[in-house]
Amino acid sequence: MEQQKLPNVTLALVLAIVSFLCCCFAGLPGALLSGIAFFLLKKDEKTYSANPEGYSNYNQLKTAKIVALIGLIIGLLYFLFFAYNIYQMGGWDAYMEQSRELMEQWGIEE
């Protein structure tokens, strides 16, 4: 019997890599993309466990899982750091006020 490729592994690997790249910008988009990658990988793990001899790219699934986990952890840590910084500034209103002051200082119009 000819071995097939698991259907969602490539997409999950791309999502995991993009989540790893996005986690450094805002945190939550990276965590969201990692969550989607984990969902797709879980489906493929069930498919693989039903017929392990029929699929050839299980190692790629494990790689995608590791990259998605790293993206998820870094994204959540970045989000928690961002939330802590806003809390230390005095809340969302103080953060927005400081942002307005910086924009005026640099001559950027709202």
PDB file of N, CA and C in Angstrom:
ATOM      1  N   MET A   1       0.842  -1.185   0.000  1.00  0.00           N
ATOM      2  CA  MET A   1       0.000   0.000   0.000  1.00  0.00           C
ATOM      3  C   MET A   1       0.884   1.245   0.000  1.00  0.00           C
ATOM      4  N   GLU A   2       0.537   2.177  -0.826  1.00  0.00           N
ATOM      5  CA  GLU A   2       1.306   3.410  -0.950  1.00  0.00           C
ATOM      6  C   GLU A   2       1.013   4.338   0.227  1.00  0.00           C
ATOM      7  N   GLN A   3       2.074   4.925   0.775  1.00  0.00           N
ATOM      8  CA  GLN A   3       1.887   5.833   1.906  1.00  0.00           C
ATOM      9  C   GLN A   3       1.443   7.199   1.408  1.00  0.00           C
ATOM     10  N   GLN A   4       0.527   7.786   2.173  1.00  0.00           N
ATOM     11  CA  GLN A   4       0.014   9.113   1.867  1.00  0.00           C
ATOM     12  C   GLN A   4       0.611  10.111   2.849  1.00  0.00           C
ATOM     13  N   LYS A   5       0.351  11.375   2.581  1.00  0.00           N
ATOM     14  CA  LYS A   5       0.754  12.420   3.514  1.00  0.00           C
ATOM     15  C   LYS A   5      -0.465  12.820   4.333  1.00  0.00           C
ATOM     16  N   LEU A   6      -0.217  13.155   5.610  1.00  0.00           N
ATOM     17  CA  LEU A   6      -1.310  13.629   6.462  1.00  0.00           C
ATOM     18  C   LEU A   6      -1.820  14.953   5.895  1.00  0.00           C
ATOM     19  N   PRO A   7      -3.140  15.150   5.841  1.00  0.00           N
ATOM     20  CA  PRO A   7      -3.698  16.271   5.079  1.00  0.00           C
ATOM     21  C   PRO A   7      -3.437  17.670   5.639  1.00  0.00           C
ATOM     22  N   ASN A   8      -3.336  17.833   6.949  1.00  0.00           N
ATOM     23  CA  ASN A   8      -3.257  19.177   7.508  1.00  0.00           C
ATOM     24  C   ASN A   8      -1.885  19.561   8.045  1.00  0.00           C
ATOM     25  N   VAL A   9      -0.903  18.697   7.896  1.00  0.00           N
ATOM     26  CA  VAL A   9       0.394  18.949   8.516  1.00  0.00           C
ATOM     27  C   VAL A   9       1.094  20.157   7.899  1.00  0.00           C
ATOM     28  N   THR A  10       1.079  20.281   6.593  1.00  0.00           N
ATOM     29  CA  THR A  10       1.763  21.399   5.942  1.00  0.00           C
ATOM     30  C   THR A  10       1.129  22.727   6.338  1.00  0.00           C
ATOM     31  N   LEU A  11      -0.197  22.781   6.334  1.00  0.00           N
ATOM     32  CA  LEU A  11      -0.890  24.003   6.749  1.00  0.00           C
ATOM     33  C   LEU A  11      -0.597  24.325   8.209  1.00  0.00           C
ATOM     34  N   ALA A  12      -0.605  23.313   9.067  1.00  0.00           N
ATOM     35  CA  ALA A  12      -0.317  23.528  10.479  1.00  0.00           C
ATOM     36  C   ALA A  12       1.116  24.000  10.676  1.00  0.00           C
ATOM     37  N   LEU A  13       2.055  23.482   9.903  1.00  0.00           N
ATOM     38  CA  LEU A  13       3.444  23.918  10.007  1.00  0.00           C
ATOM     39  C   LEU A  13       3.591  25.376   9.575  1.00  0.00           C
ATOM     40  N   VAL A  14       2.914  25.765   8.516  1.00  0.00           N
ATOM     41  CA  VAL A  14       2.943  27.168   8.078  1.00  0.00           C
ATOM     42  C   VAL A  14       2.330  28.070   9.151  1.00  0.00           C
ATOM     43  N   LEU A  15       1.190  27.668   9.714  1.00  0.00           N
ATOM     44  CA  LEU A  15       0.573  28.454  10.778  1.00  0.00           C
ATOM     45  C   LEU A  15       1.480  28.551  12.001  1.00  0.00           C
ATOM     46  N   ALA A  16       2.162  27.473  12.326  1.00  0.00           N
ATOM     47  CA  ALA A  16       3.065  27.479  13.479  1.00  0.00           C
ATOM     48  C   ALA A  16       4.236  28.431  13.247  1.00  0.00           C
ATOM     49  N   ILE A  17       4.788  28.433  12.044  1.00  0.00           N
ATOM     50  CA  ILE A  17       5.903  29.332  11.742  1.00  0.00           C
ATOM     51  C   ILE A  17       5.439  30.780  11.760  1.00  0.00           C
ATOM     52  N   VAL A  18       4.291  31.057  11.171  1.00  0.00           N
ATOM     53  CA  VAL A  18       3.759  32.423  11.187  1.00  0.00           C
ATOM     54  C   VAL A  18       3.428  32.853  12.617  1.00  0.00           C
ATOM     55  N   SER A  19       2.919  31.941  13.432  1.00  0.00           N
ATOM     56  CA  SER A  19       2.628  32.288  14.824  1.00  0.00           C
ATOM     57  C   SER A  19       3.908  32.607  15.577  1.00  0.00           C
ATOM     58  N   PHE A  20       4.979  31.883  15.274  1.00  0.00           N
ATOM     59  CA  PHE A  20       6.272  32.158  15.891  1.00  0.00           C
ATOM     60  C   PHE A  20       6.763  33.548  15.506  1.00  0.00           C
ATOM     61  N   LEU A  21       6.557  33.940  14.258  1.00  0.00           N
ATOM     62  CA  LEU A  21       6.968  35.271  13.812  1.00  0.00           C
ATOM     63  C   LEU A  21       6.061  36.364  14.379  1.00  0.00           C
ATOM     64  N   CYS A  22       4.757  36.093  14.477  1.00  0.00           N
ATOM     65  CA  CYS A  22       3.797  37.093  14.956  1.00  0.00           C
ATOM     66  C   CYS A  22       3.834  37.286  16.461  1.00  0.00           C
ATOM     67  N   CYS A  23       4.309  36.322  17.199  1.00  0.00           N
ATOM     68  CA  CYS A  23       4.249  36.427  18.657  1.00  0.00           C
ATOM     69  C   CYS A  23       5.118  37.560  19.172  1.00  0.00           C
ATOM     70  N   CYS A  24       6.093  37.977  18.400  1.00  0.00           N
ATOM     71  CA  CYS A  24       6.977  39.057  18.837  1.00  0.00           C
ATOM     72  C   CYS A  24       6.364  40.432  18.600  1.00  0.00           C
ATOM     73  N   PHE A  25       5.291  40.529  17.832  1.00  0.00           N
ATOM     74  CA  PHE A  25       4.687  41.817  17.541  1.00  0.00           C
ATOM     75  C   PHE A  25       3.557  42.165  18.487  1.00  0.00           C
ATOM     76  N   ALA A  26       2.665  41.238  18.758  1.00  0.00           N
ATOM     77  CA  ALA A  26       1.514  41.573  19.581  1.00  0.00           C
ATOM     78  C   ALA A  26       1.162  40.494  20.595  1.00  0.00           C
ATOM     79  N   GLY A  27       1.603  39.308  20.419  1.00  0.00           N
ATOM     80  CA  GLY A  27       1.328  38.254  21.379  1.00  0.00           C
ATOM     81  C   GLY A  27       0.105  37.428  21.043  1.00  0.00           C
ATOM     82  N   LEU A  28      -1.047  38.043  21.069  1.00  0.00           N
ATOM     83  CA  LEU A  28      -2.277  37.274  20.869  1.00  0.00           C
ATOM     84  C   LEU A  28      -2.463  36.708  19.463  1.00  0.00           C
ATOM     85  N   PRO A  29      -2.104  37.426  18.389  1.00  0.00           N
ATOM     86  CA  PRO A  29      -2.234  36.784  17.068  1.00  0.00           C
ATOM     87  C   PRO A  29      -1.387  35.522  16.951  1.00  0.00           C
ATOM     88  N   GLY A  30      -0.200  35.543  17.508  1.00  0.00           N
ATOM     89  CA  GLY A  30       0.643  34.355  17.487  1.00  0.00           C
ATOM     90  C   GLY A  30       0.036  33.206  18.264  1.00  0.00           C
ATOM     91  N   ALA A  31      -0.540  33.517  19.424  1.00  0.00           N
ATOM     92  CA  ALA A  31      -1.178  32.481  20.239  1.00  0.00           C
ATOM     93  C   ALA A  31      -2.411  31.926  19.519  1.00  0.00           C
ATOM     94  N   LEU A  32      -3.151  32.786  18.842  1.00  0.00           N
ATOM     95  CA  LEU A  32      -4.340  32.341  18.107  1.00  0.00           C
ATOM     96  C   LEU A  32      -3.959  31.413  16.953  1.00  0.00           C
ATOM     97  N   LEU A  33      -2.936  31.786  16.201  1.00  0.00           N
ATOM     98  CA  LEU A  33      -2.497  30.938  15.094  1.00  0.00           C
ATOM     99  C   LEU A  33      -1.955  29.602  15.598  1.00  0.00           C
ATOM    100  N   SER A  34      -1.271  29.625  16.744  1.00  0.00           N
ATOM    101  CA  SER A  34      -0.788  28.370  17.332  1.00  0.00           C
ATOM    102  C   SER A  34      -1.945  27.479  17.745  1.00  0.00           C
ATOM    103  N   GLY A  35      -2.993  28.075  18.284  1.00  0.00           N
ATOM    104  CA  GLY A  35      -4.171  27.303  18.665  1.00  0.00           C
ATOM    105  C   GLY A  35      -4.814  26.621  17.467  1.00  0.00           C
ATOM    106  N   ILE A  36      -4.896  27.341  16.365  1.00  0.00           N
ATOM    107  CA  ILE A  36      -5.455  26.749  15.145  1.00  0.00           C
ATOM    108  C   ILE A  36      -4.560  25.611  14.658  1.00  0.00           C
ATOM    109  N   ALA A  37      -3.244  25.813  14.716  1.00  0.00           N
ATOM    110  CA  ALA A  37      -2.312  24.759  14.300  1.00  0.00           C
ATOM    111  C   ALA A  37      -2.463  23.529  15.182  1.00  0.00           C
ATOM    112  N   PHE A  38      -2.611  23.720  16.499  1.00  0.00           N
ATOM    113  CA  PHE A  38      -2.807  22.578  17.403  1.00  0.00           C
ATOM    114  C   PHE A  38      -4.096  21.833  17.080  1.00  0.00           C
ATOM    115  N   PHE A  39      -5.156  22.551  16.743  1.00  0.00           N
ATOM    116  CA  PHE A  39      -6.426  21.917  16.380  1.00  0.00           C
ATOM    117  C   PHE A  39      -6.247  21.035  15.144  1.00  0.00           C
ATOM    118  N   LEU A  40      -5.573  21.565  14.132  1.00  0.00           N
ATOM    119  CA  LEU A  40      -5.347  20.791  12.908  1.00  0.00           C
ATOM    120  C   LEU A  40      -4.447  19.583  13.170  1.00  0.00           C
ATOM    121  N   LEU A  41      -3.440  19.776  14.012  1.00  0.00           N
ATOM    122  CA  LEU A  41      -2.529  18.674  14.314  1.00  0.00           C
ATOM    123  C   LEU A  41      -3.214  17.577  15.105  1.00  0.00           C
ATOM    124  N   LYS A  42      -4.126  17.937  15.982  1.00  0.00           N
ATOM    125  CA  LYS A  42      -4.863  16.940  16.759  1.00  0.00           C
ATOM    126  C   LYS A  42      -5.691  16.047  15.822  1.00  0.00           C
ATOM    127  N   LYS A  43      -6.318  16.662  14.821  1.00  0.00           N
ATOM    128  CA  LYS A  43      -7.084  15.879  13.852  1.00  0.00           C
ATOM    129  C   LYS A  43      -6.180  14.907  13.092  1.00  0.00           C
ATOM    130  N   ASP A  44      -4.994  15.379  12.692  1.00  0.00           N
ATOM    131  CA  ASP A  44      -4.079  14.512  11.958  1.00  0.00           C
ATOM    132  C   ASP A  44      -3.492  13.422  12.845  1.00  0.00           C
ATOM    133  N   GLU A  45      -3.299  13.703  14.130  1.00  0.00           N
ATOM    134  CA  GLU A  45      -2.822  12.657  15.042  1.00  0.00           C
ATOM    135  C   GLU A  45      -3.840  11.523  15.153  1.00  0.00           C
ATOM    136  N   LYS A  46      -5.117  11.869  15.200  1.00  0.00           N
ATOM    137  CA  LYS A  46      -6.158  10.845  15.239  1.00  0.00           C
ATOM    138  C   LYS A  46      -6.147  10.025  13.945  1.00  0.00           C
ATOM    139  N   THR A  47      -5.976  10.706  12.816  1.00  0.00           N
ATOM    140  CA  THR A  47      -5.914  10.021  11.530  1.00  0.00           C
ATOM    141  C   THR A  47      -4.718   9.073  11.488  1.00  0.00           C
ATOM    142  N   TYR A  48      -3.585   9.547  11.977  1.00  0.00           N
ATOM    143  CA  TYR A  48      -2.365   8.729  11.979  1.00  0.00           C
ATOM    144  C   TYR A  48      -2.495   7.532  12.914  1.00  0.00           C
ATOM    145  N   SER A  49      -3.069   7.743  14.082  1.00  0.00           N
ATOM    146  CA  SER A  49      -3.187   6.633  15.044  1.00  0.00           C
ATOM    147  C   SER A  49      -4.119   5.533  14.532  1.00  0.00           C
ATOM    148  N   ALA A  50      -5.055   5.875  13.656  1.00  0.00           N
ATOM    149  CA  ALA A  50      -5.951   4.866  13.088  1.00  0.00           C
ATOM    150  C   ALA A  50      -5.224   3.977  12.079  1.00  0.00           C
ATOM    151  N   ASN A  51      -4.207   4.530  11.381  1.00  0.00           N
ATOM    152  CA  ASN A  51      -3.495   3.763  10.365  1.00  0.00           C
ATOM    153  C   ASN A  51      -2.053   4.275  10.261  1.00  0.00           C
ATOM    154  N   PRO A  52      -1.175   3.911  11.194  1.00  0.00           N
ATOM    155  CA  PRO A  52       0.197   4.446  11.182  1.00  0.00           C
ATOM    156  C   PRO A  52       1.018   4.061   9.951  1.00  0.00           C
ATOM    157  N   GLU A  53       0.741   2.922   9.368  1.00  0.00           N
ATOM    158  CA  GLU A  53       1.516   2.493   8.207  1.00  0.00           C
ATOM    159  C   GLU A  53       1.128   3.239   6.932  1.00  0.00           C
ATOM    160  N   GLY A  54      -0.005   3.893   6.945  1.00  0.00           N
ATOM    161  CA  GLY A  54      -0.511   4.537   5.741  1.00  0.00           C
ATOM    162  C   GLY A  54      -0.020   5.951   5.510  1.00  0.00           C
ATOM    163  N   TYR A  55       0.737   6.515   6.458  1.00  0.00           N
ATOM    164  CA  TYR A  55       1.141   7.916   6.328  1.00  0.00           C
ATOM    165  C   TYR A  55       2.645   8.054   6.515  1.00  0.00           C
ATOM    166  N   SER A  56       3.223   8.996   5.790  1.00  0.00           N
ATOM    167  CA  SER A  56       4.684   9.097   5.764  1.00  0.00           C
ATOM    168  C   SER A  56       5.258  10.334   6.451  1.00  0.00           C
ATOM    169  N   ASN A  57       4.466  11.336   6.769  1.00  0.00           N
ATOM    170  CA  ASN A  57       5.036  12.587   7.272  1.00  0.00           C
ATOM    171  C   ASN A  57       4.709  12.843   8.747  1.00  0.00           C
ATOM    172  N   TYR A  58       4.815  11.822   9.567  1.00  0.00           N
ATOM    173  CA  TYR A  58       4.557  12.008  11.003  1.00  0.00           C
ATOM    174  C   TYR A  58       5.638  12.856  11.658  1.00  0.00           C
ATOM    175  N   ASN A  59       6.883  12.767  11.189  1.00  0.00           N
ATOM    176  CA  ASN A  59       7.951  13.597  11.752  1.00  0.00           C
ATOM    177  C   ASN A  59       7.678  15.079  11.521  1.00  0.00           C
ATOM    178  N   GLN A  60       7.090  15.410  10.397  1.00  0.00           N
ATOM    179  CA  GLN A  60       6.723  16.796  10.115  1.00  0.00           C
ATOM    180  C   GLN A  60       5.633  17.254  11.085  1.00  0.00           C
ATOM    181  N   LEU A  61       4.734  16.356  11.456  1.00  0.00           N
ATOM    182  CA  LEU A  61       3.693  16.670  12.441  1.00  0.00           C
ATOM    183  C   LEU A  61       4.325  17.008  13.785  1.00  0.00           C
ATOM    184  N   LYS A  62       5.316  16.231  14.203  1.00  0.00           N
ATOM    185  CA  LYS A  62       5.983  16.495  15.483  1.00  0.00           C
ATOM    186  C   LYS A  62       6.724  17.830  15.447  1.00  0.00           C
ATOM    187  N   THR A  63       7.343  18.141  14.316  1.00  0.00           N
ATOM    188  CA  THR A  63       8.040  19.425  14.176  1.00  0.00           C
ATOM    189  C   THR A  63       7.051  20.584  14.260  1.00  0.00           C
ATOM    190  N   ALA A  64       5.923  20.456  13.576  1.00  0.00           N
ATOM    191  CA  ALA A  64       4.907  21.505  13.612  1.00  0.00           C
ATOM    192  C   ALA A  64       4.373  21.699  15.030  1.00  0.00           C
ATOM    193  N   LYS A  65       4.233  20.611  15.755  1.00  0.00           N
ATOM    194  CA  LYS A  65       3.737  20.689  17.129  1.00  0.00           C
ATOM    195  C   LYS A  65       4.722  21.450  18.023  1.00  0.00           C
ATOM    196  N   ILE A  66       6.007  21.201  17.857  1.00  0.00           N
ATOM    197  CA  ILE A  66       7.024  21.888  18.661  1.00  0.00           C
ATOM    198  C   ILE A  66       7.055  23.379  18.334  1.00  0.00           C
ATOM    199  N   VAL A  67       7.041  23.726  17.052  1.00  0.00           N
ATOM    200  CA  VAL A  67       7.076  25.134  16.657  1.00  0.00           C
ATOM    201  C   VAL A  67       5.814  25.853  17.127  1.00  0.00           C
ATOM    202  N   ALA A  68       4.652  25.198  17.039  1.00  0.00           N
ATOM    203  CA  ALA A  68       3.402  25.800  17.509  1.00  0.00           C
ATOM    204  C   ALA A  68       3.434  26.010  19.019  1.00  0.00           C
ATOM    205  N   LEU A  69       4.006  25.068  19.744  1.00  0.00           N
ATOM    206  CA  LEU A  69       4.113  25.206  21.198  1.00  0.00           C
ATOM    207  C   LEU A  69       5.018  26.382  21.569  1.00  0.00           C
ATOM    208  N   ILE A  70       6.130  26.522  20.874  1.00  0.00           N
ATOM    209  CA  ILE A  70       7.032  27.650  21.131  1.00  0.00           C
ATOM    210  C   ILE A  70       6.330  28.967  20.824  1.00  0.00           C
ATOM    211  N   GLY A  71       5.628  29.034  19.695  1.00  0.00           N
ATOM    212  CA  GLY A  71       4.886  30.250  19.345  1.00  0.00           C
ATOM    213  C   GLY A  71       3.805  30.577  20.360  1.00  0.00           C
ATOM    214  N   LEU A  72       3.126  29.553  20.851  1.00  0.00           N
ATOM    215  CA  LEU A  72       2.075  29.763  21.849  1.00  0.00           C
ATOM    216  C   LEU A  72       2.654  30.296  23.150  1.00  0.00           C
ATOM    217  N   ILE A  73       3.723  29.693  23.621  1.00  0.00           N
ATOM    218  CA  ILE A  73       4.322  30.116  24.891  1.00  0.00           C
ATOM    219  C   ILE A  73       4.870  31.535  24.792  1.00  0.00           C
ATOM    220  N   ILE A  74       5.617  31.833  23.735  1.00  0.00           N
ATOM    221  CA  ILE A  74       6.178  33.178  23.593  1.00  0.00           C
ATOM    222  C   ILE A  74       5.071  34.211  23.412  1.00  0.00           C
ATOM    223  N   GLY A  75       4.039  33.879  22.639  1.00  0.00           N
ATOM    224  CA  GLY A  75       2.921  34.809  22.450  1.00  0.00           C
ATOM    225  C   GLY A  75       2.199  35.114  23.746  1.00  0.00           C
ATOM    226  N   LEU A  76       1.934  34.088  24.547  1.00  0.00           N
ATOM    227  CA  LEU A  76       1.259  34.316  25.824  1.00  0.00           C
ATOM    228  C   LEU A  76       2.140  35.092  26.802  1.00  0.00           C
ATOM    229  N   LEU A  77       3.441  34.785  26.823  1.00  0.00           N
ATOM    230  CA  LEU A  77       4.351  35.537  27.691  1.00  0.00           C
ATOM    231  C   LEU A  77       4.424  37.005  27.282  1.00  0.00           C
ATOM    232  N   TYR A  78       4.471  37.262  25.980  1.00  0.00           N
ATOM    233  CA  TYR A  78       4.501  38.646  25.505  1.00  0.00           C
ATOM    234  C   TYR A  78       3.216  39.368  25.881  1.00  0.00           C
ATOM    235  N   PHE A  79       2.084  38.703  25.729  1.00  0.00           N
ATOM    236  CA  PHE A  79       0.807  39.327  26.094  1.00  0.00           C
ATOM    237  C   PHE A  79       0.757  39.630  27.591  1.00  0.00           C
ATOM    238  N   LEU A  80       1.205  38.698  28.417  1.00  0.00           N
ATOM    239  CA  LEU A  80       1.222  38.936  29.862  1.00  0.00           C
ATOM    240  C   LEU A  80       2.160  40.085  30.223  1.00  0.00           C
ATOM    241  N   PHE A  81       3.303  40.169  29.557  1.00  0.00           N
ATOM    242  CA  PHE A  81       4.235  41.270  29.778  1.00  0.00           C
ATOM    243  C   PHE A  81       3.598  42.604  29.400  1.00  0.00           C
ATOM    244  N   PHE A  82       2.902  42.630  28.262  1.00  0.00           N
ATOM    245  CA  PHE A  82       2.226  43.845  27.807  1.00  0.00           C
ATOM    246  C   PHE A  82       1.135  44.258  28.797  1.00  0.00           C
ATOM    247  N   ALA A  83       0.345  43.296  29.251  1.00  0.00           N
ATOM    248  CA  ALA A  83      -0.719  43.599  30.221  1.00  0.00           C
ATOM    249  C   ALA A  83      -0.122  44.100  31.539  1.00  0.00           C
ATOM    250  N   TYR A  84       0.979  43.516  31.970  1.00  0.00           N
ATOM    251  CA  TYR A  84       1.638  43.955  33.203  1.00  0.00           C
ATOM    252  C   TYR A  84       2.163  45.386  33.060  1.00  0.00           C
ATOM    253  N   ASN A  85       2.716  45.719  31.900  1.00  0.00           N
ATOM    254  CA  ASN A  85       3.205  47.083  31.670  1.00  0.00           C
ATOM    255  C   ASN A  85       2.071  48.098  31.711  1.00  0.00           C
ATOM    256  N   ILE A  86       0.943  47.754  31.133  1.00  0.00           N
ATOM    257  CA  ILE A  86      -0.210  48.662  31.188  1.00  0.00           C
ATOM    258  C   ILE A  86      -0.679  48.827  32.622  1.00  0.00           C
ATOM    259  N   TYR A  87      -0.694  47.748  33.365  1.00  0.00           N
ATOM    260  CA  TYR A  87      -1.081  47.814  34.782  1.00  0.00           C
ATOM    261  C   TYR A  87      -0.111  48.713  35.557  1.00  0.00           C
ATOM    262  N   GLN A  88       1.179  48.598  35.283  1.00  0.00           N
ATOM    263  CA  GLN A  88       2.175  49.405  35.989  1.00  0.00           C
ATOM    264  C   GLN A  88       2.061  50.885  35.634  1.00  0.00           C
ATOM    265  N   MET A  89       1.587  51.211  34.441  1.00  0.00           N
ATOM    266  CA  MET A  89       1.426  52.607  34.034  1.00  0.00           C
ATOM    267  C   MET A  89       0.226  53.260  34.699  1.00  0.00           C
ATOM    268  N   GLY A  90      -0.653  52.469  35.244  1.00  0.00           N
ATOM    269  CA  GLY A  90      -1.840  53.028  35.873  1.00  0.00           C
ATOM    270  C   GLY A  90      -3.126  52.676  35.161  1.00  0.00           C
ATOM    271  N   GLY A  91      -3.098  51.705  34.286  1.00  0.00           N
ATOM    272  CA  GLY A  91      -4.312  51.272  33.598  1.00  0.00           C
ATOM    273  C   GLY A  91      -4.344  51.716  32.153  1.00  0.00           C
ATOM    274  N   TRP A  92      -5.438  51.359  31.489  1.00  0.00           N
ATOM    275  CA  TRP A  92      -5.580  51.643  30.068  1.00  0.00           C
ATOM    276  C   TRP A  92      -5.639  53.129  29.783  1.00  0.00           C
ATOM    277  N   ASP A  93      -6.326  53.900  30.623  1.00  0.00           N
ATOM    278  CA  ASP A  93      -6.449  55.352  30.391  1.00  0.00           C
ATOM    279  C   ASP A  93      -5.077  56.023  30.452  1.00  0.00           C
ATOM    280  N   ALA A  94      -4.264  55.660  31.416  1.00  0.00           N
ATOM    281  CA  ALA A  94      -2.924  56.236  31.527  1.00  0.00           C
ATOM    282  C   ALA A  94      -2.069  55.834  30.329  1.00  0.00           C
ATOM    283  N   TYR A  95      -2.228  54.615  29.861  1.00  0.00           N
ATOM    284  CA  TYR A  95      -1.490  54.158  28.689  1.00  0.00           C
ATOM    285  C   TYR A  95      -1.884  54.975  27.458  1.00  0.00           C
ATOM    286  N   MET A  96      -3.180  55.201  27.279  1.00  0.00           N
ATOM    287  CA  MET A  96      -3.648  55.979  26.126  1.00  0.00           C
ATOM    288  C   MET A  96      -3.194  57.432  26.225  1.00  0.00           C
ATOM    289  N   GLU A  97      -3.185  57.991  27.425  1.00  0.00           N
ATOM    290  CA  GLU A  97      -2.723  59.364  27.614  1.00  0.00           C
ATOM    291  C   GLU A  97      -1.238  59.484  27.269  1.00  0.00           C
ATOM    292  N   GLN A  98      -0.455  58.528  27.713  1.00  0.00           N
ATOM    293  CA  GLN A  98       0.972  58.542  27.393  1.00  0.00           C
ATOM    294  C   GLN A  98       1.185  58.377  25.890  1.00  0.00           C
ATOM    295  N   SER A  99       0.378  57.562  25.248  1.00  0.00           N
ATOM    296  CA  SER A  99       0.475  57.394  23.796  1.00  0.00           C
ATOM    297  C   SER A  99       0.152  58.690  23.075  1.00  0.00           C
ATOM    298  N   ARG A 100      -0.900  59.409  23.539  1.00  0.00           N
ATOM    299  CA  ARG A 100      -1.254  60.698  22.937  1.00  0.00           C
ATOM    300  C   ARG A 100      -0.122  61.709  23.092  1.00  0.00           C
ATOM    301  N   GLU A 101       0.479  61.741  24.279  1.00  0.00           N
ATOM    302  CA  GLU A 101       1.585  62.668  24.515  1.00  0.00           C
ATOM    303  C   GLU A 101       2.767  62.366  23.600  1.00  0.00           C
ATOM    304  N   LEU A 102       3.079  61.099  23.408  1.00  0.00           N
ATOM    305  CA  LEU A 102       4.171  60.736  22.511  1.00  0.00           C
ATOM    306  C   LEU A 102       3.855  61.109  21.067  1.00  0.00           C
ATOM    307  N   MET A 103       2.610  60.927  20.659  1.00  0.00           N
ATOM    308  CA  MET A 103       2.211  61.275  19.299  1.00  0.00           C
ATOM    309  C   MET A 103       2.313  62.781  19.088  1.00  0.00           C
ATOM    310  N   GLU A 104       1.908  63.591  20.092  1.00  0.00           N
ATOM    311  CA  GLU A 104       2.038  65.051  19.984  1.00  0.00           C
ATOM    312  C   GLU A 104       3.500  65.450  19.945  1.00  0.00           C
ATOM    313  N   GLN A 105       4.320  64.789  20.736  1.00  0.00           N
ATOM    314  CA  GLN A 105       5.746  65.106  20.773  1.00  0.00           C
ATOM    315  C   GLN A 105       6.392  64.849  19.422  1.00  0.00           C
ATOM    316  N   TRP A 106       5.976  63.810  18.720  1.00  0.00           N
ATOM    317  CA  TRP A 106       6.547  63.484  17.429  1.00  0.00           C
ATOM    318  C   TRP A 106       5.814  64.162  16.268  1.00  0.00           C
ATOM    319  N   GLY A 107       4.765  64.929  16.576  1.00  0.00           N
ATOM    320  CA  GLY A 107       4.047  65.669  15.539  1.00  0.00           C
ATOM    321  C   GLY A 107       3.111  64.823  14.709  1.00  0.00           C
ATOM    322  N   ILE A 108       2.621  63.731  15.275  1.00  0.00           N
ATOM    323  CA  ILE A 108       1.691  62.856  14.543  1.00  0.00           C
ATOM    324  C   ILE A 108       0.277  63.257  14.920  1.00  0.00           C
ATOM    325  N   GLU A 109      -0.543  63.505  13.906  1.00  0.00           N
ATOM    326  CA  GLU A 109      -1.936  63.899  14.137  1.00  0.00           C
ATOM    327  C   GLU A 109      -2.788  62.670  14.342  1.00  0.00           C
ATOM    328  N   GLU A 110      -3.807  62.794  15.159  1.00  0.00           N
ATOM    329  CA  GLU A 110      -4.741  61.686  15.392  1.00  0.00           C
ATOM    330  C   GLU A 110      -5.801  61.654  14.330  1.00  0.00           C
TER     331      GLU A 110
END
